Structures are given as structure tokens and as C-alpha cells.
Amino acid sequence: MTKNQQIQRLYRLYKEETGTTDVDLKKFTIWMEKKGWKMPIPTDPHDILARQVADALREETRKDATTGLPYKVNLNYSADGTGQQVFWVDVDEAKRNTVVKCLIQRRNEMVGDAYQLTLIQDHWNNEHPSEEAIQLPLDFQPDVDWKKAGGDEQTSAA
């Protein structure tokens, strides 16, 4: 049994023991520790700082001079597509091929999310045939156009 399978088994056991369906992962990890789970060794301070830097860089936006809309300044991409070696680049300084690589990788993440969404939706619909089926549209263009037109007060470049 893999480590992830062990965690999944313990997760189910935790829900059975506590009777909860909405799990607070911090409380779950405390429970795991009490059950004898070997706690991880604290990470390298550089890893922690790198995550904080990544969070800060993801947050930065500027306004497009033409549209007046905000856009994300800092893009990241995986050099080999595995996520092992990630580089960050300012979109205003990056070469075209780098921005294309960043956008393709981000689009692939969105496709993966949409695929998982449909699998979950289909499963729930199959398990609850007597209820109204959940049907979420995957055509995001109307939503994007609405946001670009100022469709909400919190328009962001997320």
C-alpha cells in the first residue's frame, strides 16, 4: 500500500470515528499523529520562502494600457513540463515563445480541471438519478466576456 493509499484509508477511518463529512485537515493531521503517523521533517527554510515568494508573485497585477483591465504580471512555467523545475518571468519582459509556453501549460491545467469536474458531475448524477442532474457548462467564453465587460466589482486577472 502506498503512502497516499494509507492516508486515504486513514481519512475514511477518521470520518467514521468522528462522524464528520466536512473534514478540517489540520484536525485530521493531529488525529493522524495521535494514531502514530510519522510526522514529516520540517521543510528547508528556502522552500518555505520560495512558496511565499511564489504567492507574492502570483498576486501582482498591472493595468493594461489599452483595455484598462488588470492582468497578472508574473507567469511561471515548468521547464520540462513535470513541475520539477519552475521558472518565473515578467510577462512584459518575456519573449513570445516563453509566454506561449506559460499559457499552454496554464490552459492544460484548466483542461485537467474541467475533465475532473465532468467526472465528478457525471458520478454524482449517476449516483442520484432521482434528483435533478447537475449540468455545468464548460464553455467559459460567455463568463470571460462578462468579466471583461466589468460584470462584477471584483474583476481580476486570475
C-alpha atoms as a PDB file:
ATOM      1  CA  MET A   1       0.000   0.000   0.000  1.00  0.00           C
ATOM      2  CA  THR A   2       1.410   3.399  -0.977  1.00  0.00           C
ATOM      3  CA  LYS A   3       1.719   6.298   1.450  1.00  0.00           C
ATOM      4  CA  ASN A   4      -1.157   8.080  -0.314  1.00  0.00           C
ATOM      5  CA  GLN A   5      -3.345   4.974  -0.075  1.00  0.00           C
ATOM      6  CA  GLN A   6      -2.549   4.749   3.648  1.00  0.00           C
ATOM      7  CA  ILE A   7      -3.576   8.400   4.091  1.00  0.00           C
ATOM      8  CA  GLN A   8      -6.783   7.772   2.134  1.00  0.00           C
ATOM      9  CA  ARG A   9      -7.595   4.756   4.337  1.00  0.00           C
ATOM     10  CA  LEU A  10      -6.955   6.798   7.489  1.00  0.00           C
ATOM     11  CA  TYR A  11      -9.095   9.624   6.109  1.00  0.00           C
ATOM     12  CA  ARG A  12     -12.047   7.259   5.747  1.00  0.00           C
ATOM     13  CA  LEU A  13     -11.397   5.863   9.249  1.00  0.00           C
ATOM     14  CA  TYR A  14     -11.238   9.401  10.682  1.00  0.00           C
ATOM     15  CA  LYS A  15     -14.612  10.257   9.125  1.00  0.00           C
ATOM     16  CA  GLU A  16     -16.106   7.049  10.538  1.00  0.00           C
ATOM     17  CA  GLU A  17     -14.689   7.679  14.019  1.00  0.00           C
ATOM     18  CA  THR A  18     -15.647  11.351  14.177  1.00  0.00           C
ATOM     19  CA  GLY A  19     -18.895  11.158  12.225  1.00  0.00           C
ATOM     20  CA  THR A  20     -17.897  14.187  10.176  1.00  0.00           C
ATOM     21  CA  THR A  21     -18.182  14.637   6.434  1.00  0.00           C
ATOM     22  CA  ASP A  22     -16.603  18.103   6.238  1.00  0.00           C
ATOM     23  CA  VAL A  23     -13.025  17.493   7.332  1.00  0.00           C
ATOM     24  CA  ASP A  24     -10.651  20.123   8.729  1.00  0.00           C
ATOM     25  CA  LEU A  25      -7.286  18.810   7.511  1.00  0.00           C
ATOM     26  CA  LYS A  26      -5.350  20.298  10.415  1.00  0.00           C
ATOM     27  CA  LYS A  27      -7.579  18.417  12.893  1.00  0.00           C
ATOM     28  CA  PHE A  28      -7.174  15.305  10.744  1.00  0.00           C
ATOM     29  CA  THR A  29      -3.363  15.551  10.855  1.00  0.00           C
ATOM     30  CA  ILE A  30      -3.447  15.963  14.647  1.00  0.00           C
ATOM     31  CA  TRP A  31      -5.591  12.798  14.788  1.00  0.00           C
ATOM     32  CA  MET A  32      -3.106  11.036  12.461  1.00  0.00           C
ATOM     33  CA  GLU A  33      -0.210  11.974  14.734  1.00  0.00           C
ATOM     34  CA  LYS A  34      -2.067  10.585  17.770  1.00  0.00           C
ATOM     35  CA  LYS A  35      -2.590   7.343  15.803  1.00  0.00           C
ATOM     36  CA  GLY A  36       1.175   7.063  15.352  1.00  0.00           C
ATOM     37  CA  TRP A  37       1.666   8.592  11.916  1.00  0.00           C
ATOM     38  CA  LYS A  38       5.305   9.606  11.492  1.00  0.00           C
ATOM     39  CA  MET A  39       5.319  13.376  11.188  1.00  0.00           C
ATOM     40  CA  PRO A  40       7.266  14.906   8.313  1.00  0.00           C
ATOM     41  CA  ILE A  41      10.542  16.650   8.897  1.00  0.00           C
ATOM     42  CA  PRO A  42      10.094  20.433   8.674  1.00  0.00           C
ATOM     43  CA  THR A  43      10.975  21.760   5.254  1.00  0.00           C
ATOM     44  CA  ASP A  44      14.018  23.725   4.306  1.00  0.00           C
ATOM     45  CA  PRO A  45      13.606  27.455   5.100  1.00  0.00           C
ATOM     46  CA  HIS A  46      14.412  28.207   1.442  1.00  0.00           C
ATOM     47  CA  ASP A  47      11.484  26.022   0.339  1.00  0.00           C
ATOM     48  CA  ILE A  48       9.167  27.900   2.697  1.00  0.00           C
ATOM     49  CA  LEU A  49      10.438  31.274   1.493  1.00  0.00           C
ATOM     50  CA  ALA A  50      10.190  30.171  -2.160  1.00  0.00           C
ATOM     51  CA  ARG A  51       6.490  29.309  -1.599  1.00  0.00           C
ATOM     52  CA  GLN A  52       5.935  32.729  -0.002  1.00  0.00           C
ATOM     53  CA  VAL A  53       7.703  34.406  -2.925  1.00  0.00           C
ATOM     54  CA  ALA A  54       5.571  32.447  -5.399  1.00  0.00           C
ATOM     55  CA  ASP A  55       2.414  33.564  -3.569  1.00  0.00           C
ATOM     56  CA  ALA A  56       3.571  37.191  -3.690  1.00  0.00           C
ATOM     57  CA  LEU A  57       4.466  36.983  -7.376  1.00  0.00           C
ATOM     58  CA  ARG A  58       1.111  35.357  -8.261  1.00  0.00           C
ATOM     59  CA  GLU A  59      -0.659  38.286  -6.590  1.00  0.00           C
ATOM     60  CA  GLU A  60       0.985  41.121  -8.552  1.00  0.00           C
ATOM     61  CA  THR A  61      -1.138  42.797 -11.224  1.00  0.00           C
ATOM     62  CA  ARG A  62      -0.821  45.771 -13.548  1.00  0.00           C
ATOM     63  CA  LYS A  63      -3.389  47.534 -15.708  1.00  0.00           C
ATOM     64  CA  ASP A  64      -3.361  47.060 -19.455  1.00  0.00           C
ATOM     65  CA  ALA A  65      -2.848  50.468 -21.106  1.00  0.00           C
ATOM     66  CA  THR A  66      -5.361  49.705 -23.874  1.00  0.00           C
ATOM     67  CA  THR A  67      -8.193  47.988 -22.015  1.00  0.00           C
ATOM     68  CA  GLY A  68      -7.629  49.337 -18.517  1.00  0.00           C
ATOM     69  CA  LEU A  69      -8.128  45.794 -17.199  1.00  0.00           C
ATOM     70  CA  PRO A  70      -5.784  44.168 -14.691  1.00  0.00           C
ATOM     71  CA  TYR A  71      -3.502  41.339 -15.760  1.00  0.00           C
ATOM     72  CA  LYS A  72      -1.171  39.004 -13.911  1.00  0.00           C
ATOM     73  CA  VAL A  73       2.400  40.299 -14.138  1.00  0.00           C
ATOM     74  CA  ASN A  74       4.370  37.193 -13.229  1.00  0.00           C
ATOM     75  CA  LEU A  75       3.963  33.940 -15.084  1.00  0.00           C
ATOM     76  CA  ASN A  76       5.512  30.602 -14.258  1.00  0.00           C
ATOM     77  CA  TYR A  77       6.290  27.583 -16.359  1.00  0.00           C
ATOM     78  CA  SER A  78       7.820  24.195 -15.918  1.00  0.00           C
ATOM     79  CA  ALA A  79      10.989  23.794 -17.949  1.00  0.00           C
ATOM     80  CA  ASP A  80      10.265  20.147 -18.748  1.00  0.00           C
ATOM     81  CA  GLY A  81       6.511  20.006 -18.155  1.00  0.00           C
ATOM     82  CA  THR A  82       6.834  17.989 -14.931  1.00  0.00           C
ATOM     83  CA  GLY A  83       6.773  20.879 -12.475  1.00  0.00           C
ATOM     84  CA  GLN A  84      10.145  19.857 -11.067  1.00  0.00           C
ATOM     85  CA  GLN A  85      11.997  22.929 -12.284  1.00  0.00           C
ATOM     86  CA  VAL A  86       9.791  26.025 -12.356  1.00  0.00           C
ATOM     87  CA  PHE A  87      10.848  29.393 -13.684  1.00  0.00           C
ATOM     88  CA  TRP A  88       9.140  32.754 -13.208  1.00  0.00           C
ATOM     89  CA  VAL A  89       9.019  35.537 -15.775  1.00  0.00           C
ATOM     90  CA  ASP A  90       7.527  39.036 -16.000  1.00  0.00           C
ATOM     91  CA  VAL A  91       5.040  38.987 -18.880  1.00  0.00           C
ATOM     92  CA  ASP A  92       6.219  42.444 -20.012  1.00  0.00           C
ATOM     93  CA  GLU A  93       9.835  41.231 -20.304  1.00  0.00           C
ATOM     94  CA  ALA A  94       9.256  37.706 -21.570  1.00  0.00           C
ATOM     95  CA  LYS A  95       9.842  36.535 -25.117  1.00  0.00           C
ATOM     96  CA  ARG A  96       6.836  35.387 -27.107  1.00  0.00           C
ATOM     97  CA  ASN A  97       7.762  31.674 -27.002  1.00  0.00           C
ATOM     98  CA  THR A  98       8.040  31.807 -23.200  1.00  0.00           C
ATOM     99  CA  VAL A  99       4.605  33.417 -22.820  1.00  0.00           C
ATOM    100  CA  VAL A 100       3.124  30.847 -25.208  1.00  0.00           C
ATOM    101  CA  LYS A 101       4.660  28.060 -23.093  1.00  0.00           C
ATOM    102  CA  CYS A 102       3.226  29.610 -19.910  1.00  0.00           C
ATOM    103  CA  LEU A 103      -0.228  29.998 -21.443  1.00  0.00           C
ATOM    104  CA  ILE A 104      -0.302  26.472 -22.874  1.00  0.00           C
ATOM    105  CA  GLN A 105       0.683  24.973 -19.518  1.00  0.00           C
ATOM    106  CA  ARG A 106      -1.972  27.039 -17.738  1.00  0.00           C
ATOM    107  CA  ARG A 107      -4.589  26.058 -20.338  1.00  0.00           C
ATOM    108  CA  ASN A 108      -3.656  22.385 -19.872  1.00  0.00           C
ATOM    109  CA  GLU A 109      -4.247  22.801 -16.131  1.00  0.00           C
ATOM    110  CA  MET A 110      -7.691  24.246 -16.891  1.00  0.00           C
ATOM    111  CA  VAL A 111      -8.497  21.334 -19.207  1.00  0.00           C
ATOM    112  CA  GLY A 112      -7.460  18.909 -16.486  1.00  0.00           C
ATOM    113  CA  ASP A 113      -9.703  20.722 -14.000  1.00  0.00           C
ATOM    114  CA  ALA A 114     -12.623  20.700 -16.458  1.00  0.00           C
ATOM    115  CA  TYR A 115     -12.127  16.975 -17.103  1.00  0.00           C
ATOM    116  CA  GLN A 116     -12.166  16.215 -13.370  1.00  0.00           C
ATOM    117  CA  LEU A 117     -15.221  18.451 -12.925  1.00  0.00           C
ATOM    118  CA  THR A 118     -17.134  16.437 -15.534  1.00  0.00           C
ATOM    119  CA  LEU A 119     -16.095  13.115 -13.986  1.00  0.00           C
ATOM    120  CA  ILE A 120     -17.334  14.266 -10.573  1.00  0.00           C
ATOM    121  CA  GLN A 121     -20.514  15.705 -12.067  1.00  0.00           C
ATOM    122  CA  ASP A 122     -21.223  12.505 -14.041  1.00  0.00           C
ATOM    123  CA  HIS A 123     -20.573  10.335 -10.983  1.00  0.00           C
ATOM    124  CA  TRP A 124     -22.894  12.385  -8.773  1.00  0.00           C
ATOM    125  CA  ASN A 125     -25.605  12.359 -11.445  1.00  0.00           C
ATOM    126  CA  ASN A 126     -25.257   8.561 -11.814  1.00  0.00           C
ATOM    127  CA  GLU A 127     -25.483   8.062  -8.038  1.00  0.00           C
ATOM    128  CA  HIS A 128     -28.529  10.355  -7.666  1.00  0.00           C
ATOM    129  CA  PRO A 129     -30.786   9.503 -10.629  1.00  0.00           C
ATOM    130  CA  SER A 130     -33.935  10.686  -8.852  1.00  0.00           C
ATOM    131  CA  GLU A 131     -32.563  14.219  -8.393  1.00  0.00           C
ATOM    132  CA  GLU A 132     -32.188  16.938 -10.996  1.00  0.00           C
ATOM    133  CA  ALA A 133     -28.937  16.333 -12.843  1.00  0.00           C
ATOM    134  CA  ILE A 134     -26.098  18.796 -12.352  1.00  0.00           C
ATOM    135  CA  GLN A 135     -25.037  20.207 -15.730  1.00  0.00           C
ATOM    136  CA  LEU A 136     -22.284  22.808 -15.583  1.00  0.00           C
ATOM    137  CA  PRO A 137     -21.320  24.353 -18.927  1.00  0.00           C
ATOM    138  CA  LEU A 138     -17.691  24.085 -19.981  1.00  0.00           C
ATOM    139  CA  ASP A 139     -17.861  26.932 -22.483  1.00  0.00           C
ATOM    140  CA  PHE A 140     -16.212  29.668 -20.449  1.00  0.00           C
ATOM    141  CA  GLN A 141     -16.250  32.337 -23.179  1.00  0.00           C
ATOM    142  CA  PRO A 142     -19.517  33.980 -22.036  1.00  0.00           C
ATOM    143  CA  ASP A 143     -18.187  34.162 -18.469  1.00  0.00           C
ATOM    144  CA  VAL A 144     -14.862  35.613 -19.625  1.00  0.00           C
ATOM    145  CA  ASP A 145     -16.611  38.186 -21.829  1.00  0.00           C
ATOM    146  CA  TRP A 146     -18.919  39.150 -18.951  1.00  0.00           C
ATOM    147  CA  LYS A 147     -15.967  39.663 -16.573  1.00  0.00           C
ATOM    148  CA  LYS A 148     -14.014  41.658 -19.176  1.00  0.00           C
ATOM    149  CA  ALA A 149     -17.045  43.903 -19.588  1.00  0.00           C
ATOM    150  CA  GLY A 150     -16.990  44.646 -15.855  1.00  0.00           C
ATOM    151  CA  GLY A 151     -19.594  42.050 -14.965  1.00  0.00           C
ATOM    152  CA  ASP A 152     -18.612  42.062 -11.328  1.00  0.00           C
ATOM    153  CA  GLU A 153     -16.996  44.509  -8.953  1.00  0.00           C
ATOM    154  CA  GLN A 154     -14.065  42.187  -8.247  1.00  0.00           C
ATOM    155  CA  THR A 155     -12.824  41.720 -11.834  1.00  0.00           C
ATOM    156  CA  SER A 156      -9.382  40.173 -11.545  1.00  0.00           C
ATOM    157  CA  ALA A 157      -6.784  38.690 -13.838  1.00  0.00           C
ATOM    158  CA  ALA A 158      -6.933  35.300 -12.119  1.00  0.00           C
END
